[in-house]
Amino acid sequence: PGDFDVWAATDGKKYFEAQTYTRDGSTNTYKSTNARYWPSTAVDFFALKNYGSSATLTASGTTSLAVADYTVTTTVADQKDFIYAVSKTVSKPTTGTAASLNFRHALSQIEFQAKNQNAGIHVEISGVTIKHVCSKGNFSVNAATTGNYENHTHDGTAENPTREGRCSWTLPSPLTTTDCADYTISFSTPVDVKNNGSADLSVIDATGEYNARTMYLIPQTVANIWDGSGQPTSEQAYFLINAIIYNVAGSEVDKSKDVVLWGTKTGSTYTSKPIAVPLPTTTIWEDGLRYVYTFNFTTTGTGGVDPGTGDPVLTPITLSVTVDDFVDAGNTDVNVK
């Protein structure tokens, strides 16, 4: 980061708060505008970037830093990568060496891809929404349990069930509709998902420090997930894909001739139409982890659900077959001469 804010505590007391440290040119050394000096006792350092407007340092007993009511904006392009670092019991260096900080990600990163395994359809996606997930929470880090760790391993084995030194999040309970939000990425030019092809919906068109197609969301166990049956309600969590689906008549896509199976028609022009898709039954997002969801249009699927009616988007053509018996037309004698 170009800069970040630092809090420090020593000997059970606050030493300084929200001191901005800025990168010194192209080096990896950061300096404060107003010089801060080492005390004779060990220091607990906390650093935050993109944390909102305020944080509270507690130095009585166990040193900790908390951000209350952190809320993720619904404008995905404006979302920031909230990062933090903690380095505890750091003593004054003898050689003027800079104290080391390792930043970790406080939020979960969400990205999207699409795959089309069905040669009979062509899909154009103009946007993706995650509906009704928790948008706010209280963040905290504790110097007694969080250090300057760099081991982010998380393989789910008995030897390594969790990652060391993580932050903690407390979400509103009970969760209400005002605690939740919808998050949408949209594309000015629809993304083609050709038959027997795939497309990345998150990383293209990235500009600047943040990606307008990558979400940074509150770590959470997503509550009230729609199960895919019937019509989703406004209080349920699910994916909403805005898309046009074409039938592919020949071996290649020809949108000037191919029939539109899903889309809103105005005159002779079609625009995308929403498709509801369930989240995985158990969706858990952890801090510092990236989750990539791939929407797979398969050879046997129904293309999701119409959120307005609960009906399948696509209905596969199935054929019931009978075959005529041969009808006896009568015997004809042929004389062999």
C-alpha atoms as a PDB file:
ATOM      1  CA  PRO A   1       0.000   0.000   0.000  1.00  0.00           C
ATOM      2  CA  GLY A   2       1.036   3.580  -0.514  1.00  0.00           C
ATOM      3  CA  ASP A   3       0.142   4.361   3.095  1.00  0.00           C
ATOM      4  CA  PHE A   4      -1.662   2.952   6.106  1.00  0.00           C
ATOM      5  CA  ASP A   5      -2.611   3.926   9.659  1.00  0.00           C
ATOM      6  CA  VAL A   6      -0.824   2.574  12.729  1.00  0.00           C
ATOM      7  CA  TRP A   7      -1.823   2.177  16.397  1.00  0.00           C
ATOM      8  CA  ALA A   8       0.690   1.268  19.087  1.00  0.00           C
ATOM      9  CA  ALA A   9       0.549   0.227  22.734  1.00  0.00           C
ATOM     10  CA  THR A  10       3.312  -0.362  25.260  1.00  0.00           C
ATOM     11  CA  ASP A  11       3.414  -1.337  28.904  1.00  0.00           C
ATOM     12  CA  GLY A  12      -0.395  -1.616  28.990  1.00  0.00           C
ATOM     13  CA  LYS A  13      -0.856   1.936  27.717  1.00  0.00           C
ATOM     14  CA  LYS A  14      -1.772   3.550  24.419  1.00  0.00           C
ATOM     15  CA  TYR A  15       1.342   4.913  22.747  1.00  0.00           C
ATOM     16  CA  PHE A  16      -0.140   6.493  19.631  1.00  0.00           C
ATOM     17  CA  GLU A  17      -3.282   6.132  17.519  1.00  0.00           C
ATOM     18  CA  ALA A  18      -4.155   6.361  13.814  1.00  0.00           C
ATOM     19  CA  GLN A  19      -0.703   7.585  12.835  1.00  0.00           C
ATOM     20  CA  THR A  20      -0.382   7.580   9.036  1.00  0.00           C
ATOM     21  CA  TYR A  21       2.734   5.947   7.679  1.00  0.00           C
ATOM     22  CA  THR A  22       3.648   6.639   4.036  1.00  0.00           C
ATOM     23  CA  ARG A  23       5.954   4.717   1.740  1.00  0.00           C
ATOM     24  CA  ASP A  24       9.372   6.325   1.384  1.00  0.00           C
ATOM     25  CA  GLY A  25       9.682   6.666  -2.388  1.00  0.00           C
ATOM     26  CA  SER A  26      10.096   3.333  -4.138  1.00  0.00           C
ATOM     27  CA  THR A  27      11.480   1.578  -1.062  1.00  0.00           C
ATOM     28  CA  ASN A  28       9.598  -0.795   1.217  1.00  0.00           C
ATOM     29  CA  THR A  29      10.196   1.501   4.199  1.00  0.00           C
ATOM     30  CA  TYR A  30       7.371   3.601   5.639  1.00  0.00           C
ATOM     31  CA  LYS A  31       7.712   6.767   7.689  1.00  0.00           C
ATOM     32  CA  SER A  32       5.235   8.869   9.659  1.00  0.00           C
ATOM     33  CA  THR A  33       4.754  12.555   8.933  1.00  0.00           C
ATOM     34  CA  ASN A  34       5.425  13.337  12.580  1.00  0.00           C
ATOM     35  CA  ALA A  35       8.324  11.172  13.726  1.00  0.00           C
ATOM     36  CA  ARG A  36       7.499   8.574  16.370  1.00  0.00           C
ATOM     37  CA  TYR A  37      10.205   7.176  18.644  1.00  0.00           C
ATOM     38  CA  TRP A  38      10.876   3.858  20.312  1.00  0.00           C
ATOM     39  CA  PRO A  39      10.102   3.544  24.033  1.00  0.00           C
ATOM     40  CA  SER A  40      12.227   1.419  26.342  1.00  0.00           C
ATOM     41  CA  THR A  41       9.482  -1.207  26.609  1.00  0.00           C
ATOM     42  CA  ALA A  42       8.211  -3.601  23.921  1.00  0.00           C
ATOM     43  CA  VAL A  43       5.496  -2.332  21.558  1.00  0.00           C
ATOM     44  CA  ASP A  44       2.385  -3.945  20.092  1.00  0.00           C
ATOM     45  CA  PHE A  45       1.770  -2.543  16.593  1.00  0.00           C
ATOM     46  CA  PHE A  46      -1.531  -2.608  14.722  1.00  0.00           C
ATOM     47  CA  ALA A  47      -1.906  -1.353  11.138  1.00  0.00           C
ATOM     48  CA  LEU A  48      -5.018  -0.912   9.003  1.00  0.00           C
ATOM     49  CA  LYS A  49      -5.740   0.122   5.430  1.00  0.00           C
ATOM     50  CA  ASN A  50      -9.215   0.740   3.955  1.00  0.00           C
ATOM     51  CA  TYR A  51     -10.891   0.170   7.327  1.00  0.00           C
ATOM     52  CA  GLY A  52     -13.428   2.969   7.126  1.00  0.00           C
ATOM     53  CA  SER A  53     -13.278   6.048   9.305  1.00  0.00           C
ATOM     54  CA  SER A  54     -12.289   4.985  12.832  1.00  0.00           C
ATOM     55  CA  ALA A  55     -10.863   2.228  15.001  1.00  0.00           C
ATOM     56  CA  THR A  56     -10.613   1.798  18.768  1.00  0.00           C
ATOM     57  CA  LEU A  57      -7.438   0.670  20.542  1.00  0.00           C
ATOM     58  CA  THR A  58      -7.759  -1.073  23.913  1.00  0.00           C
ATOM     59  CA  ALA A  59      -4.561  -1.216  25.950  1.00  0.00           C
ATOM     60  CA  SER A  60      -5.825  -2.313  29.370  1.00  0.00           C
ATOM     61  CA  GLY A  61      -5.152  -5.993  29.885  1.00  0.00           C
ATOM     62  CA  THR A  62      -4.925  -7.599  26.441  1.00  0.00           C
ATOM     63  CA  THR A  63      -4.096  -5.153  23.681  1.00  0.00           C
ATOM     64  CA  SER A  64      -6.651  -5.207  20.844  1.00  0.00           C
ATOM     65  CA  LEU A  65      -7.919  -3.047  18.006  1.00  0.00           C
ATOM     66  CA  ALA A  66     -11.532  -2.946  16.834  1.00  0.00           C
ATOM     67  CA  VAL A  67     -13.513  -1.430  13.980  1.00  0.00           C
ATOM     68  CA  ALA A  68     -17.228  -1.119  14.743  1.00  0.00           C
ATOM     69  CA  ASP A  69     -20.008  -1.338  12.171  1.00  0.00           C
ATOM     70  CA  TYR A  70     -17.775  -1.860   9.165  1.00  0.00           C
ATOM     71  CA  THR A  71     -20.060  -1.853   6.116  1.00  0.00           C
ATOM     72  CA  VAL A  72     -19.241  -2.997   2.591  1.00  0.00           C
ATOM     73  CA  THR A  73     -20.533  -0.599  -0.054  1.00  0.00           C
ATOM     74  CA  THR A  74     -22.969  -2.039  -2.582  1.00  0.00           C
ATOM     75  CA  THR A  75     -21.045  -0.375  -5.438  1.00  0.00           C
ATOM     76  CA  VAL A  76     -18.562  -3.135  -6.236  1.00  0.00           C
ATOM     77  CA  ALA A  77     -16.256  -0.797  -8.164  1.00  0.00           C
ATOM     78  CA  ASP A  78     -15.826   1.255  -4.960  1.00  0.00           C
ATOM     79  CA  GLN A  79     -15.081  -1.687  -2.676  1.00  0.00           C
ATOM     80  CA  LYS A  80     -11.653  -1.689  -1.049  1.00  0.00           C
ATOM     81  CA  ASP A  81      -9.344  -4.492   0.007  1.00  0.00           C
ATOM     82  CA  PHE A  82      -9.475  -4.039   3.798  1.00  0.00           C
ATOM     83  CA  ILE A  83      -6.083  -5.219   5.085  1.00  0.00           C
ATOM     84  CA  TYR A  84      -4.550  -5.363   8.557  1.00  0.00           C
ATOM     85  CA  ALA A  85      -1.273  -6.227  10.255  1.00  0.00           C
ATOM     86  CA  VAL A  86      -0.286  -6.978  13.830  1.00  0.00           C
ATOM     87  CA  SER A  87       3.208  -7.298  15.255  1.00  0.00           C
ATOM     88  CA  LYS A  88       3.383  -7.856  19.003  1.00  0.00           C
ATOM     89  CA  THR A  89       6.041  -7.305  21.663  1.00  0.00           C
ATOM     90  CA  VAL A  90       8.490  -5.613  19.295  1.00  0.00           C
ATOM     91  CA  SER A  91      11.575  -4.254  21.030  1.00  0.00           C
ATOM     92  CA  LYS A  92      13.609  -1.258  19.978  1.00  0.00           C
ATOM     93  CA  PRO A  93      16.093  -2.347  17.283  1.00  0.00           C
ATOM     94  CA  THR A  94      19.772  -1.737  17.922  1.00  0.00           C
ATOM     95  CA  THR A  95      20.674  -0.965  14.311  1.00  0.00           C
ATOM     96  CA  GLY A  96      17.783   1.247  13.249  1.00  0.00           C
ATOM     97  CA  THR A  97      16.136  -1.631  11.357  1.00  0.00           C
ATOM     98  CA  ALA A  98      12.482  -1.049  10.414  1.00  0.00           C
ATOM     99  CA  ALA A  99       9.909  -3.108  12.292  1.00  0.00           C
ATOM    100  CA  SER A 100       8.351  -5.755  10.056  1.00  0.00           C
ATOM    101  CA  LEU A 101       4.619  -5.891   9.324  1.00  0.00           C
ATOM    102  CA  ASN A 102       2.817  -8.573   7.334  1.00  0.00           C
ATOM    103  CA  PHE A 103      -0.598  -7.475   6.038  1.00  0.00           C
ATOM    104  CA  ARG A 104      -3.484  -9.906   5.767  1.00  0.00           C
ATOM    105  CA  HIS A 105      -6.877  -9.571   4.100  1.00  0.00           C
ATOM    106  CA  ALA A 106      -9.827  -8.947   6.418  1.00  0.00           C
ATOM    107  CA  LEU A 107     -12.508  -9.627   3.784  1.00  0.00           C
ATOM    108  CA  SER A 108     -13.418 -12.504   1.482  1.00  0.00           C
ATOM    109  CA  GLN A 109     -12.783 -12.096  -2.243  1.00  0.00           C
ATOM    110  CA  ILE A 110     -15.507 -13.309  -4.617  1.00  0.00           C
ATOM    111  CA  GLU A 111     -15.009 -13.832  -8.360  1.00  0.00           C
ATOM    112  CA  PHE A 112     -17.071 -15.384 -11.154  1.00  0.00           C
ATOM    113  CA  GLN A 113     -16.565 -17.477 -14.252  1.00  0.00           C
ATOM    114  CA  ALA A 114     -18.957 -19.138 -16.672  1.00  0.00           C
ATOM    115  CA  LYS A 115     -18.767 -22.331 -18.685  1.00  0.00           C
ATOM    116  CA  ASN A 116     -21.006 -23.587 -21.464  1.00  0.00           C
ATOM    117  CA  GLN A 117     -20.834 -27.325 -22.114  1.00  0.00           C
ATOM    118  CA  ASN A 118     -23.963 -27.331 -24.251  1.00  0.00           C
ATOM    119  CA  ALA A 119     -23.272 -27.082 -27.997  1.00  0.00           C
ATOM    120  CA  GLY A 120     -26.959 -26.311 -28.582  1.00  0.00           C
ATOM    121  CA  ILE A 121     -26.991 -22.918 -26.854  1.00  0.00           C
ATOM    122  CA  HIS A 122     -25.030 -19.652 -26.820  1.00  0.00           C
ATOM    123  CA  VAL A 123     -25.082 -17.457 -23.685  1.00  0.00           C
ATOM    124  CA  GLU A 124     -24.424 -13.721 -23.292  1.00  0.00           C
ATOM    125  CA  ILE A 125     -24.019 -12.532 -19.699  1.00  0.00           C
ATOM    126  CA  SER A 126     -24.394  -8.844 -18.841  1.00  0.00           C
ATOM    127  CA  GLY A 127     -24.201  -9.050 -15.055  1.00  0.00           C
ATOM    128  CA  VAL A 128     -24.145 -11.140 -11.882  1.00  0.00           C
ATOM    129  CA  THR A 129     -25.688 -10.360  -8.483  1.00  0.00           C
ATOM    130  CA  ILE A 130     -25.354 -11.996  -5.083  1.00  0.00           C
ATOM    131  CA  LYS A 131     -28.673 -11.405  -3.393  1.00  0.00           C
ATOM    132  CA  HIS A 132     -29.257 -10.731   0.298  1.00  0.00           C
ATOM    133  CA  VAL A 133     -25.977 -11.414   2.120  1.00  0.00           C
ATOM    134  CA  CYS A 134     -24.726  -9.751   5.309  1.00  0.00           C
ATOM    135  CA  SER A 135     -23.137  -6.389   4.536  1.00  0.00           C
ATOM    136  CA  LYS A 136     -21.790  -5.273   7.926  1.00  0.00           C
ATOM    137  CA  GLY A 137     -19.991  -6.488  11.005  1.00  0.00           C
ATOM    138  CA  ASN A 138     -17.614  -5.678  13.840  1.00  0.00           C
ATOM    139  CA  PHE A 139     -13.932  -6.392  13.162  1.00  0.00           C
ATOM    140  CA  SER A 140     -11.247  -6.998  15.779  1.00  0.00           C
ATOM    141  CA  VAL A 141      -7.664  -8.197  16.141  1.00  0.00           C
ATOM    142  CA  ASN A 142      -5.996  -9.184  19.374  1.00  0.00           C
ATOM    143  CA  ALA A 143      -2.272  -8.987  20.079  1.00  0.00           C
ATOM    144  CA  ALA A 144      -2.472 -11.996  22.409  1.00  0.00           C
ATOM    145  CA  THR A 145      -3.549 -14.300  19.575  1.00  0.00           C
ATOM    146  CA  THR A 146      -2.494 -12.447  16.435  1.00  0.00           C
ATOM    147  CA  GLY A 147       1.111 -11.923  15.396  1.00  0.00           C
ATOM    148  CA  ASN A 148       3.102 -11.043  12.327  1.00  0.00           C
ATOM    149  CA  TYR A 149       2.407 -14.446  10.758  1.00  0.00           C
ATOM    150  CA  GLU A 150       2.943 -15.215   7.092  1.00  0.00           C
ATOM    151  CA  ASN A 151       1.585 -18.769   7.090  1.00  0.00           C
ATOM    152  CA  HIS A 152      -1.735 -18.551   5.239  1.00  0.00           C
ATOM    153  CA  THR A 153      -2.034 -22.299   4.626  1.00  0.00           C
ATOM    154  CA  HIS A 154      -5.555 -23.667   4.827  1.00  0.00           C
ATOM    155  CA  ASP A 155      -5.868 -27.209   3.505  1.00  0.00           C
ATOM    156  CA  GLY A 156      -8.527 -28.519   5.868  1.00  0.00           C
ATOM    157  CA  THR A 157      -6.487 -31.484   7.111  1.00  0.00           C
ATOM    158  CA  ALA A 158      -6.240 -32.695  10.685  1.00  0.00           C
ATOM    159  CA  GLU A 159      -2.638 -31.438  10.777  1.00  0.00           C
ATOM    160  CA  ASN A 160      -3.627 -27.966   9.623  1.00  0.00           C
ATOM    161  CA  PRO A 161      -7.318 -27.325  10.325  1.00  0.00           C
ATOM    162  CA  THR A 162      -7.101 -23.532  10.656  1.00  0.00           C
ATOM    163  CA  ARG A 163      -4.862 -20.612   9.788  1.00  0.00           C
ATOM    164  CA  GLU A 164      -2.849 -18.933  12.497  1.00  0.00           C
ATOM    165  CA  GLY A 165      -3.286 -15.402  13.736  1.00  0.00           C
ATOM    166  CA  ARG A 166      -6.521 -14.424  12.064  1.00  0.00           C
ATOM    167  CA  CYS A 167      -8.825 -11.512  12.749  1.00  0.00           C
ATOM    168  CA  SER A 168     -12.350 -12.065  14.025  1.00  0.00           C
ATOM    169  CA  TRP A 169     -15.709 -10.821  12.793  1.00  0.00           C
ATOM    170  CA  THR A 170     -18.946 -10.491  14.764  1.00  0.00           C
ATOM    171  CA  LEU A 171     -22.074 -10.176  12.651  1.00  0.00           C
ATOM    172  CA  PRO A 172     -25.462  -8.750  13.700  1.00  0.00           C
ATOM    173  CA  SER A 173     -27.640 -11.306  15.464  1.00  0.00           C
ATOM    174  CA  PRO A 174     -30.411 -11.826  14.723  1.00  0.00           C
ATOM    175  CA  LEU A 175     -29.734 -10.850  11.118  1.00  0.00           C
ATOM    176  CA  THR A 176     -32.334  -8.467   9.668  1.00  0.00           C
ATOM    177  CA  THR A 177     -32.998  -7.219   6.148  1.00  0.00           C
ATOM    178  CA  THR A 178     -31.299  -3.908   6.993  1.00  0.00           C
ATOM    179  CA  ASP A 179     -28.109  -5.839   7.791  1.00  0.00           C
ATOM    180  CA  CYS A 180     -28.087  -7.385   4.298  1.00  0.00           C
ATOM    181  CA  ALA A 181     -27.469  -6.085   0.793  1.00  0.00           C
ATOM    182  CA  ASP A 182     -27.305  -7.140  -2.858  1.00  0.00           C
ATOM    183  CA  TYR A 183     -23.970  -6.933  -4.694  1.00  0.00           C
ATOM    184  CA  THR A 184     -23.847  -6.619  -8.484  1.00  0.00           C
ATOM    185  CA  ILE A 185     -21.192  -6.639 -11.180  1.00  0.00           C
ATOM    186  CA  SER A 186     -22.304  -5.552 -14.646  1.00  0.00           C
ATOM    187  CA  PHE A 187     -20.715  -5.401 -18.084  1.00  0.00           C
ATOM    188  CA  SER A 188     -21.284  -2.622 -20.599  1.00  0.00           C
ATOM    189  CA  THR A 189     -20.487  -5.181 -23.289  1.00  0.00           C
ATOM    190  CA  PRO A 190     -22.049  -8.581 -22.596  1.00  0.00           C
ATOM    191  CA  VAL A 191     -19.605 -11.441 -22.080  1.00  0.00           C
ATOM    192  CA  ASP A 192     -19.941 -14.246 -24.628  1.00  0.00           C
ATOM    193  CA  VAL A 193     -20.017 -17.779 -23.268  1.00  0.00           C
ATOM    194  CA  LYS A 194     -19.890 -19.695 -26.515  1.00  0.00           C
ATOM    195  CA  ASN A 195     -21.074 -23.245 -26.903  1.00  0.00           C
ATOM    196  CA  ASN A 196     -18.374 -25.588 -25.603  1.00  0.00           C
ATOM    197  CA  GLY A 197     -16.527 -22.531 -24.266  1.00  0.00           C
ATOM    198  CA  SER A 198     -15.828 -20.609 -21.071  1.00  0.00           C
ATOM    199  CA  ALA A 199     -15.401 -16.994 -19.946  1.00  0.00           C
ATOM    200  CA  ASP A 200     -13.958 -15.144 -16.985  1.00  0.00           C
ATOM    201  CA  LEU A 201     -16.522 -12.713 -15.614  1.00  0.00           C
ATOM    202  CA  SER A 202     -14.349 -11.025 -12.973  1.00  0.00           C
ATOM    203  CA  VAL A 203     -10.846 -10.142 -14.113  1.00  0.00           C
ATOM    204  CA  ILE A 204     -11.368  -8.556 -17.528  1.00  0.00           C
ATOM    205  CA  ASP A 205     -11.692  -4.776 -17.815  1.00  0.00           C
ATOM    206  CA  ALA A 206      -9.735  -4.288 -14.586  1.00  0.00           C
ATOM    207  CA  THR A 207      -8.368  -0.784 -14.125  1.00  0.00           C
ATOM    208  CA  GLY A 208      -6.560   0.874 -11.271  1.00  0.00           C
ATOM    209  CA  GLU A 209      -5.986  -0.594  -7.821  1.00  0.00           C
ATOM    210  CA  TYR A 210      -9.323  -2.389  -7.560  1.00  0.00           C
ATOM    211  CA  ASN A 211     -11.289  -4.511  -9.950  1.00  0.00           C
ATOM    212  CA  ALA A 212     -14.871  -3.474 -10.687  1.00  0.00           C
ATOM    213  CA  ARG A 213     -15.758  -7.132 -11.266  1.00  0.00           C
ATOM    214  CA  THR A 214     -14.266  -8.574  -8.083  1.00  0.00           C
ATOM    215  CA  MET A 215     -16.220  -8.420  -4.825  1.00  0.00           C
ATOM    216  CA  TYR A 216     -14.786  -7.903  -1.331  1.00  0.00           C
ATOM    217  CA  LEU A 217     -17.458  -9.084   1.125  1.00  0.00           C
ATOM    218  CA  ILE A 218     -17.885  -9.655   4.856  1.00  0.00           C
ATOM    219  CA  PRO A 219     -16.660 -13.127   5.926  1.00  0.00           C
ATOM    220  CA  GLN A 220     -19.762 -15.067   6.952  1.00  0.00           C
ATOM    221  CA  THR A 221     -21.776 -18.236   6.904  1.00  0.00           C
ATOM    222  CA  VAL A 222     -24.448 -17.144   4.446  1.00  0.00           C
ATOM    223  CA  ALA A 223     -27.880 -17.416   6.054  1.00  0.00           C
ATOM    224  CA  ASN A 224     -31.282 -18.239   4.563  1.00  0.00           C
ATOM    225  CA  ILE A 225     -30.046 -19.698   1.260  1.00  0.00           C
ATOM    226  CA  TRP A 226     -32.739 -20.312  -1.353  1.00  0.00           C
ATOM    227  CA  ASP A 227     -32.868 -24.041  -2.175  1.00  0.00           C
ATOM    228  CA  GLY A 228     -33.702 -23.577  -5.863  1.00  0.00           C
ATOM    229  CA  SER A 229     -37.301 -24.714  -5.649  1.00  0.00           C
ATOM    230  CA  GLY A 230     -40.182 -22.398  -6.451  1.00  0.00           C
ATOM    231  CA  GLN A 231     -39.729 -18.641  -6.501  1.00  0.00           C
ATOM    232  CA  PRO A 232     -36.989 -17.021  -4.354  1.00  0.00           C
ATOM    233  CA  THR A 233     -38.076 -14.404  -1.834  1.00  0.00           C
ATOM    234  CA  SER A 234     -36.504 -11.035  -1.101  1.00  0.00           C
ATOM    235  CA  GLU A 235     -35.144 -12.392   2.206  1.00  0.00           C
ATOM    236  CA  GLN A 236     -33.277 -15.323   0.667  1.00  0.00           C
ATOM    237  CA  ALA A 237     -29.695 -15.464  -0.596  1.00  0.00           C
ATOM    238  CA  TYR A 238     -29.047 -16.595  -4.176  1.00  0.00           C
ATOM    239  CA  PHE A 239     -27.253 -15.711  -7.411  1.00  0.00           C
ATOM    240  CA  LEU A 240     -28.968 -13.654 -10.098  1.00  0.00           C
ATOM    241  CA  ILE A 241     -27.482 -13.846 -13.607  1.00  0.00           C
ATOM    242  CA  ASN A 242     -28.580 -11.368 -16.282  1.00  0.00           C
ATOM    243  CA  ALA A 243     -28.309 -13.143 -19.615  1.00  0.00           C
ATOM    244  CA  ILE A 244     -29.584 -13.799 -23.119  1.00  0.00           C
ATOM    245  CA  ILE A 245     -29.650 -17.430 -24.233  1.00  0.00           C
ATOM    246  CA  TYR A 246     -29.718 -18.312 -27.936  1.00  0.00           C
ATOM    247  CA  ASN A 247     -30.541 -21.614 -29.577  1.00  0.00           C
ATOM    248  CA  VAL A 248     -27.690 -22.595 -31.917  1.00  0.00           C
ATOM    249  CA  ALA A 249     -29.292 -23.956 -35.078  1.00  0.00           C
ATOM    250  CA  GLY A 250     -26.146 -24.976 -36.941  1.00  0.00           C
ATOM    251  CA  SER A 251     -22.583 -25.793 -36.054  1.00  0.00           C
ATOM    252  CA  GLU A 252     -21.707 -22.109 -35.479  1.00  0.00           C
ATOM    253  CA  VAL A 253     -23.420 -19.248 -33.662  1.00  0.00           C
ATOM    254  CA  ASP A 254     -25.335 -16.882 -35.933  1.00  0.00           C
ATOM    255  CA  LYS A 255     -27.262 -14.441 -33.751  1.00  0.00           C
ATOM    256  CA  SER A 256     -28.913 -12.867 -36.786  1.00  0.00           C
ATOM    257  CA  LYS A 257     -30.724 -16.143 -37.401  1.00  0.00           C
ATOM    258  CA  ASP A 258     -30.602 -18.123 -34.146  1.00  0.00           C
ATOM    259  CA  VAL A 259     -33.778 -18.134 -32.054  1.00  0.00           C
ATOM    260  CA  VAL A 260     -33.630 -16.449 -28.633  1.00  0.00           C
ATOM    261  CA  LEU A 261     -34.658 -18.808 -25.839  1.00  0.00           C
ATOM    262  CA  TRP A 262     -34.299 -16.350 -22.951  1.00  0.00           C
ATOM    263  CA  GLY A 263     -34.329 -12.573 -23.130  1.00  0.00           C
ATOM    264  CA  THR A 264     -36.571  -9.527 -23.121  1.00  0.00           C
ATOM    265  CA  LYS A 265     -37.706  -8.414 -26.586  1.00  0.00           C
ATOM    266  CA  THR A 266     -38.290  -4.773 -27.484  1.00  0.00           C
ATOM    267  CA  GLY A 267     -39.142  -4.430 -31.149  1.00  0.00           C
ATOM    268  CA  SER A 268     -36.541  -6.601 -32.851  1.00  0.00           C
ATOM    269  CA  THR A 269     -33.958  -6.162 -30.092  1.00  0.00           C
ATOM    270  CA  TYR A 270     -33.331  -8.525 -27.198  1.00  0.00           C
ATOM    271  CA  THR A 271     -31.862  -7.553 -23.835  1.00  0.00           C
ATOM    272  CA  SER A 272     -30.775  -9.696 -20.930  1.00  0.00           C
ATOM    273  CA  LYS A 273     -33.242 -11.185 -18.502  1.00  0.00           C
ATOM    274  CA  PRO A 274     -32.613 -12.360 -14.896  1.00  0.00           C
ATOM    275  CA  ILE A 275     -31.955 -15.998 -14.011  1.00  0.00           C
ATOM    276  CA  ALA A 276     -32.027 -17.207 -10.399  1.00  0.00           C
ATOM    277  CA  VAL A 277     -29.416 -19.797  -9.368  1.00  0.00           C
ATOM    278  CA  PRO A 278     -28.984 -21.228  -5.838  1.00  0.00           C
ATOM    279  CA  LEU A 279     -25.807 -20.743  -3.844  1.00  0.00           C
ATOM    280  CA  PRO A 280     -24.162 -23.964  -2.643  1.00  0.00           C
ATOM    281  CA  THR A 281     -26.207 -25.387   0.241  1.00  0.00           C
ATOM    282  CA  THR A 282     -23.545 -24.450   2.787  1.00  0.00           C
ATOM    283  CA  THR A 283     -21.752 -21.264   1.785  1.00  0.00           C
ATOM    284  CA  ILE A 284     -19.040 -20.130   4.186  1.00  0.00           C
ATOM    285  CA  TRP A 285     -16.710 -17.245   3.345  1.00  0.00           C
ATOM    286  CA  GLU A 286     -13.552 -16.855   5.423  1.00  0.00           C
ATOM    287  CA  ASP A 287     -11.296 -13.830   5.664  1.00  0.00           C
ATOM    288  CA  GLY A 288      -8.305 -13.828   3.337  1.00  0.00           C
ATOM    289  CA  LEU A 289      -9.706 -16.527   1.025  1.00  0.00           C
ATOM    290  CA  ARG A 290     -10.766 -16.172  -2.605  1.00  0.00           C
ATOM    291  CA  TYR A 291     -13.913 -17.936  -3.817  1.00  0.00           C
ATOM    292  CA  VAL A 292     -14.410 -18.431  -7.561  1.00  0.00           C
ATOM    293  CA  TYR A 293     -17.938 -19.413  -8.626  1.00  0.00           C
ATOM    294  CA  THR A 294     -18.273 -20.953 -12.088  1.00  0.00           C
ATOM    295  CA  PHE A 295     -21.768 -20.944 -13.611  1.00  0.00           C
ATOM    296  CA  ASN A 296     -21.926 -24.104 -15.679  1.00  0.00           C
ATOM    297  CA  PHE A 297     -24.526 -24.346 -18.449  1.00  0.00           C
ATOM    298  CA  THR A 298     -24.616 -28.111 -18.886  1.00  0.00           C
ATOM    299  CA  THR A 299     -25.986 -30.403 -21.563  1.00  0.00           C
ATOM    300  CA  THR A 300     -28.890 -31.473 -19.348  1.00  0.00           C
ATOM    301  CA  GLY A 301     -29.633 -28.409 -17.204  1.00  0.00           C
ATOM    302  CA  THR A 302     -32.668 -26.123 -17.258  1.00  0.00           C
ATOM    303  CA  GLY A 303     -30.657 -22.889 -17.283  1.00  0.00           C
ATOM    304  CA  GLY A 304     -31.762 -21.820 -13.785  1.00  0.00           C
ATOM    305  CA  VAL A 305     -35.114 -20.438 -12.622  1.00  0.00           C
ATOM    306  CA  ASP A 306     -37.235 -17.461 -13.620  1.00  0.00           C
ATOM    307  CA  PRO A 307     -37.148 -15.384 -10.391  1.00  0.00           C
ATOM    308  CA  GLY A 308     -40.528 -13.883 -11.234  1.00  0.00           C
ATOM    309  CA  THR A 309     -42.418 -17.147 -11.608  1.00  0.00           C
ATOM    310  CA  GLY A 310     -40.265 -19.947 -10.206  1.00  0.00           C
ATOM    311  CA  ASP A 311     -40.449 -21.773 -13.559  1.00  0.00           C
ATOM    312  CA  PRO A 312     -37.382 -23.281 -15.267  1.00  0.00           C
ATOM    313  CA  VAL A 313     -35.676 -20.922 -17.720  1.00  0.00           C
ATOM    314  CA  LEU A 314     -35.209 -23.675 -20.296  1.00  0.00           C
ATOM    315  CA  THR A 315     -37.316 -26.755 -20.878  1.00  0.00           C
ATOM    316  CA  PRO A 316     -35.436 -29.574 -22.602  1.00  0.00           C
ATOM    317  CA  ILE A 317     -37.150 -31.111 -25.622  1.00  0.00           C
ATOM    318  CA  THR A 318     -37.845 -34.778 -24.979  1.00  0.00           C
ATOM    319  CA  LEU A 319     -39.465 -37.056 -27.505  1.00  0.00           C
ATOM    320  CA  SER A 320     -41.820 -39.976 -26.964  1.00  0.00           C
ATOM    321  CA  VAL A 321     -41.454 -42.411 -29.855  1.00  0.00           C
ATOM    322  CA  THR A 322     -43.657 -45.081 -31.406  1.00  0.00           C
ATOM    323  CA  VAL A 323     -43.020 -46.998 -34.646  1.00  0.00           C
ATOM    324  CA  ASP A 324     -45.727 -48.189 -37.041  1.00  0.00           C
ATOM    325  CA  ASP A 325     -46.081 -51.922 -37.585  1.00  0.00           C
ATOM    326  CA  PHE A 326     -45.772 -53.083 -41.147  1.00  0.00           C
ATOM    327  CA  VAL A 327     -49.314 -53.579 -42.540  1.00  0.00           C
ATOM    328  CA  ASP A 328     -49.971 -56.718 -44.563  1.00  0.00           C
ATOM    329  CA  ALA A 329     -50.779 -55.554 -48.092  1.00  0.00           C
ATOM    330  CA  GLY A 330     -51.877 -59.052 -49.239  1.00  0.00           C
ATOM    331  CA  ASN A 331     -50.051 -61.930 -50.942  1.00  0.00           C
ATOM    332  CA  THR A 332     -49.130 -61.746 -54.579  1.00  0.00           C
ATOM    333  CA  ASP A 333     -48.284 -64.924 -56.438  1.00  0.00           C
ATOM    334  CA  VAL A 334     -45.390 -64.717 -58.815  1.00  0.00           C
ATOM    335  CA  ASN A 335     -45.088 -67.529 -61.367  1.00  0.00           C
ATOM    336  CA  VAL A 336     -41.541 -68.598 -61.897  1.00  0.00           C
ATOM    337  CA  LYS A 337     -41.143 -69.335 -65.639  1.00  0.00           C
END
